[in-house]
Structure formats: C-alpha cells, structure tokens
Amino acid sequence: MTTQAMQEKISKMEAEIKKLQAELAKMNKKNTPRFERSEIAYLNEVYNG
C-alpha cells in the first residue's frame, strides 16, 4: 500500500470517528437525566451518610 493510499484510509477513519463521537455526544445529551439541585444535595447526603 502506498503512503498516499494509507493517508487516505487514515483520513476516512478519522472522519468516521468524528461522526461516531458526534452521535455518541447526541445520545449522551438525550439520555442524561436532569436533577434538581435539592435532589442532588439529598442524594449526596444519603449516599455519604
């Protein structure tokens, strides 16, 4: 495989990684539950004793 062919393959892989990372970030935003500050304080108190 030539250097140029390898470079093109790497570029395609990098583009694919960026696309997957963007999808993952979108999924994380959607699935992240939103907690109120008071709920977080309560959960911290219970968890930490």
PDB file of N, CA and C in Angstrom:
ATOM      1  N   MET A   1       0.843  -1.183   0.000  1.00  0.00           N
ATOM      2  CA  MET A   1       0.000   0.000   0.000  1.00  0.00           C
ATOM      3  C   MET A   1       0.891   1.249   0.000  1.00  0.00           C
ATOM      4  N   THR A   2       0.546   2.182  -0.859  1.00  0.00           N
ATOM      5  CA  THR A   2       1.356   3.399  -0.946  1.00  0.00           C
ATOM      6  C   THR A   2       1.076   4.321   0.240  1.00  0.00           C
ATOM      7  N   THR A   3       1.981   5.246   0.434  1.00  0.00           N
ATOM      8  CA  THR A   3       1.826   6.208   1.526  1.00  0.00           C
ATOM      9  C   THR A   3       0.551   7.013   1.338  1.00  0.00           C
ATOM     10  N   GLN A   4       0.274   7.406   0.094  1.00  0.00           N
ATOM     11  CA  GLN A   4      -0.919   8.212  -0.166  1.00  0.00           C
ATOM     12  C   GLN A   4      -2.189   7.417   0.124  1.00  0.00           C
ATOM     13  N   ALA A   5      -2.204   6.153  -0.278  1.00  0.00           N
ATOM     14  CA  ALA A   5      -3.377   5.309  -0.027  1.00  0.00           C
ATOM     15  C   ALA A   5      -3.609   5.152   1.476  1.00  0.00           C
ATOM     16  N   MET A   6      -2.520   4.982   2.215  1.00  0.00           N
ATOM     17  CA  MET A   6      -2.634   4.857   3.672  1.00  0.00           C
ATOM     18  C   MET A   6      -3.166   6.148   4.280  1.00  0.00           C
ATOM     19  N   GLN A   7      -2.667   7.270   3.789  1.00  0.00           N
ATOM     20  CA  GLN A   7      -3.102   8.577   4.284  1.00  0.00           C
ATOM     21  C   GLN A   7      -4.595   8.770   4.041  1.00  0.00           C
ATOM     22  N   GLU A   8      -5.065   8.367   2.849  1.00  0.00           N
ATOM     23  CA  GLU A   8      -6.488   8.487   2.525  1.00  0.00           C
ATOM     24  C   GLU A   8      -7.322   7.601   3.441  1.00  0.00           C
ATOM     25  N   LYS A   9      -6.831   6.393   3.705  1.00  0.00           N
ATOM     26  CA  LYS A   9      -7.533   5.467   4.588  1.00  0.00           C
ATOM     27  C   LYS A   9      -7.626   6.052   5.999  1.00  0.00           C
ATOM     28  N   ILE A  10      -6.522   6.623   6.467  1.00  0.00           N
ATOM     29  CA  ILE A  10      -6.495   7.247   7.797  1.00  0.00           C
ATOM     30  C   ILE A  10      -7.484   8.408   7.851  1.00  0.00           C
ATOM     31  N   SER A  11      -7.519   9.220   6.817  1.00  0.00           N
ATOM     32  CA  SER A  11      -8.440  10.355   6.777  1.00  0.00           C
ATOM     33  C   SER A  11      -9.887   9.884   6.853  1.00  0.00           C
ATOM     34  N   LYS A  12     -10.214   8.810   6.115  1.00  0.00           N
ATOM     35  CA  LYS A  12     -11.575   8.259   6.149  1.00  0.00           C
ATOM     36  C   LYS A  12     -11.905   7.749   7.547  1.00  0.00           C
ATOM     37  N   MET A  13     -10.948   7.072   8.171  1.00  0.00           N
ATOM     38  CA  MET A  13     -11.165   6.551   9.525  1.00  0.00           C
ATOM     39  C   MET A  13     -11.384   7.691  10.512  1.00  0.00           C
ATOM     40  N   GLU A  14     -10.596   8.752  10.398  1.00  0.00           N
ATOM     41  CA  GLU A  14     -10.737   9.900  11.291  1.00  0.00           C
ATOM     42  C   GLU A  14     -12.105  10.549  11.124  1.00  0.00           C
ATOM     43  N   ALA A  15     -12.571  10.654   9.884  1.00  0.00           N
ATOM     44  CA  ALA A  15     -13.891  11.224   9.624  1.00  0.00           C
ATOM     45  C   ALA A  15     -14.971  10.348  10.263  1.00  0.00           C
ATOM     46  N   GLU A  16     -14.824   9.046  10.146  1.00  0.00           N
ATOM     47  CA  GLU A  16     -15.777   8.100  10.737  1.00  0.00           C
ATOM     48  C   GLU A  16     -15.788   8.241  12.264  1.00  0.00           C
ATOM     49  N   ILE A  17     -14.609   8.360  12.863  1.00  0.00           N
ATOM     50  CA  ILE A  17     -14.502   8.527  14.322  1.00  0.00           C
ATOM     51  C   ILE A  17     -15.219   9.807  14.756  1.00  0.00           C
ATOM     52  N   LYS A  18     -15.002  10.904  14.035  1.00  0.00           N
ATOM     53  CA  LYS A  18     -15.657  12.171  14.381  1.00  0.00           C
ATOM     54  C   LYS A  18     -17.168  12.031  14.317  1.00  0.00           C
ATOM     55  N   LYS A  19     -17.653  11.327  13.276  1.00  0.00           N
ATOM     56  CA  LYS A  19     -19.095  11.131  13.113  1.00  0.00           C
ATOM     57  C   LYS A  19     -19.652  10.329  14.287  1.00  0.00           C
ATOM     58  N   LEU A  20     -18.958   9.259  14.659  1.00  0.00           N
ATOM     59  CA  LEU A  20     -19.398   8.420  15.777  1.00  0.00           C
ATOM     60  C   LEU A  20     -19.369   9.190  17.092  1.00  0.00           C
ATOM     61  N   GLN A  21     -18.333  10.009  17.292  1.00  0.00           N
ATOM     62  CA  GLN A  21     -18.237  10.803  18.520  1.00  0.00           C
ATOM     63  C   GLN A  21     -19.398  11.795  18.605  1.00  0.00           C
ATOM     64  N   ALA A  22     -19.770  12.388  17.474  1.00  0.00           N
ATOM     65  CA  ALA A  22     -20.885  13.333  17.449  1.00  0.00           C
ATOM     66  C   ALA A  22     -22.190  12.611  17.792  1.00  0.00           C
ATOM     67  N   GLU A  23     -22.390  11.413  17.227  1.00  0.00           N
ATOM     68  CA  GLU A  23     -23.582  10.620  17.529  1.00  0.00           C
ATOM     69  C   GLU A  23     -23.625  10.273  19.007  1.00  0.00           C
ATOM     70  N   LEU A  24     -22.492   9.871  19.546  1.00  0.00           N
ATOM     71  CA  LEU A  24     -22.394   9.492  20.953  1.00  0.00           C
ATOM     72  C   LEU A  24     -22.726  10.684  21.855  1.00  0.00           C
ATOM     73  N   ALA A  25     -22.197  11.843  21.517  1.00  0.00           N
ATOM     74  CA  ALA A  25     -22.460  13.054  22.295  1.00  0.00           C
ATOM     75  C   ALA A  25     -23.953  13.378  22.286  1.00  0.00           C
ATOM     76  N   LYS A  26     -24.588  13.202  21.115  1.00  0.00           N
ATOM     77  CA  LYS A  26     -26.017  13.456  20.990  1.00  0.00           C
ATOM     78  C   LYS A  26     -26.811  12.492  21.872  1.00  0.00           C
ATOM     79  N   MET A  27     -26.419  11.212  21.855  1.00  0.00           N
ATOM     80  CA  MET A  27     -27.094  10.197  22.664  1.00  0.00           C
ATOM     81  C   MET A  27     -26.928  10.499  24.145  1.00  0.00           C
ATOM     82  N   ASN A  28     -25.738  10.895  24.542  1.00  0.00           N
ATOM     83  CA  ASN A  28     -25.473  11.208  25.944  1.00  0.00           C
ATOM     84  C   ASN A  28     -26.331  12.374  26.421  1.00  0.00           C
ATOM     85  N   LYS A  29     -26.496  13.378  25.567  1.00  0.00           N
ATOM     86  CA  LYS A  29     -27.326  14.535  25.924  1.00  0.00           C
ATOM     87  C   LYS A  29     -28.775  14.115  26.121  1.00  0.00           C
ATOM     88  N   LYS A  30     -29.277  13.266  25.204  1.00  0.00           N
ATOM     89  CA  LYS A  30     -30.665  12.829  25.254  1.00  0.00           C
ATOM     90  C   LYS A  30     -30.959  11.989  26.488  1.00  0.00           C
ATOM     91  N   ASN A  31     -30.030  11.113  26.851  1.00  0.00           N
ATOM     92  CA  ASN A  31     -30.287  10.147  27.913  1.00  0.00           C
ATOM     93  C   ASN A  31     -29.878  10.610  29.299  1.00  0.00           C
ATOM     94  N   THR A  32     -29.293  11.791  29.391  1.00  0.00           N
ATOM     95  CA  THR A  32     -28.842  12.274  30.695  1.00  0.00           C
ATOM     96  C   THR A  32     -30.041  12.804  31.473  1.00  0.00           C
ATOM     97  N   PRO A  33     -30.351  12.173  32.605  1.00  0.00           N
ATOM     98  CA  PRO A  33     -31.481  12.695  33.391  1.00  0.00           C
ATOM     99  C   PRO A  33     -31.112  14.030  34.027  1.00  0.00           C
ATOM    100  N   ARG A  34     -32.072  14.892  34.129  1.00  0.00           N
ATOM    101  CA  ARG A  34     -31.838  16.205  34.740  1.00  0.00           C
ATOM    102  C   ARG A  34     -32.283  16.149  36.198  1.00  0.00           C
ATOM    103  N   PHE A  35     -31.401  16.510  37.097  1.00  0.00           N
ATOM    104  CA  PHE A  35     -31.736  16.513  38.515  1.00  0.00           C
ATOM    105  C   PHE A  35     -31.798  17.941  39.028  1.00  0.00           C
ATOM    106  N   GLU A  36     -32.699  18.154  39.969  1.00  0.00           N
ATOM    107  CA  GLU A  36     -32.758  19.437  40.669  1.00  0.00           C
ATOM    108  C   GLU A  36     -31.598  19.493  41.656  1.00  0.00           C
ATOM    109  N   ARG A  37     -31.164  20.691  41.981  1.00  0.00           N
ATOM    110  CA  ARG A  37     -30.069  20.843  42.948  1.00  0.00           C
ATOM    111  C   ARG A  37     -30.433  20.219  44.297  1.00  0.00           C
ATOM    112  N   SER A  38     -31.684  20.389  44.716  1.00  0.00           N
ATOM    113  CA  SER A  38     -32.108  19.845  46.010  1.00  0.00           C
ATOM    114  C   SER A  38     -32.055  18.319  46.004  1.00  0.00           C
ATOM    115  N   GLU A  39     -32.424  17.709  44.870  1.00  0.00           N
ATOM    116  CA  GLU A  39     -32.354  16.247  44.753  1.00  0.00           C
ATOM    117  C   GLU A  39     -30.913  15.779  44.864  1.00  0.00           C
ATOM    118  N   ILE A  40     -30.016  16.486  44.204  1.00  0.00           N
ATOM    119  CA  ILE A  40     -28.593  16.120  44.238  1.00  0.00           C
ATOM    120  C   ILE A  40     -28.063  16.244  45.663  1.00  0.00           C
ATOM    121  N   ALA A  41     -28.421  17.315  46.345  1.00  0.00           N
ATOM    122  CA  ALA A  41     -27.974  17.512  47.729  1.00  0.00           C
ATOM    123  C   ALA A  41     -28.487  16.381  48.610  1.00  0.00           C
ATOM    124  N   TYR A  42     -29.764  16.020  48.425  1.00  0.00           N
ATOM    125  CA  TYR A  42     -30.355  14.937  49.220  1.00  0.00           C
ATOM    126  C   TYR A  42     -29.647  13.612  48.942  1.00  0.00           C
ATOM    127  N   LEU A  43     -29.456  13.292  47.662  1.00  0.00           N
ATOM    128  CA  LEU A  43     -28.796  12.036  47.290  1.00  0.00           C
ATOM    129  C   LEU A  43     -27.373  11.982  47.831  1.00  0.00           C
ATOM    130  N   ASN A  44     -26.669  13.106  47.787  1.00  0.00           N
ATOM    131  CA  ASN A  44     -25.311  13.169  48.339  1.00  0.00           C
ATOM    132  C   ASN A  44     -25.320  12.880  49.833  1.00  0.00           C
ATOM    133  N   GLU A  45     -26.300  13.469  50.522  1.00  0.00           N
ATOM    134  CA  GLU A  45     -26.394  13.277  51.968  1.00  0.00           C
ATOM    135  C   GLU A  45     -26.663  11.812  52.302  1.00  0.00           C
ATOM    136  N   VAL A  46     -27.601  11.205  51.585  1.00  0.00           N
ATOM    137  CA  VAL A  46     -27.949   9.795  51.811  1.00  0.00           C
ATOM    138  C   VAL A  46     -26.748   8.912  51.492  1.00  0.00           C
ATOM    139  N   TYR A  47     -26.134   9.170  50.366  1.00  0.00           N
ATOM    140  CA  TYR A  47     -25.020   8.329  49.916  1.00  0.00           C
ATOM    141  C   TYR A  47     -23.814   8.458  50.841  1.00  0.00           C
ATOM    142  N   ASN A  48     -23.520   9.681  51.248  1.00  0.00           N
ATOM    143  CA  ASN A  48     -22.331   9.924  52.069  1.00  0.00           C
ATOM    144  C   ASN A  48     -22.583   9.731  53.562  1.00  0.00           C
ATOM    145  N   GLY A  49     -23.822   9.512  53.937  1.00  0.00           N
ATOM    146  CA  GLY A  49     -24.172   9.262  55.338  1.00  0.00           C
ATOM    147  C   GLY A  49     -24.126  10.545  56.108  1.00  0.00           C
TER     148      GLY A  49
END
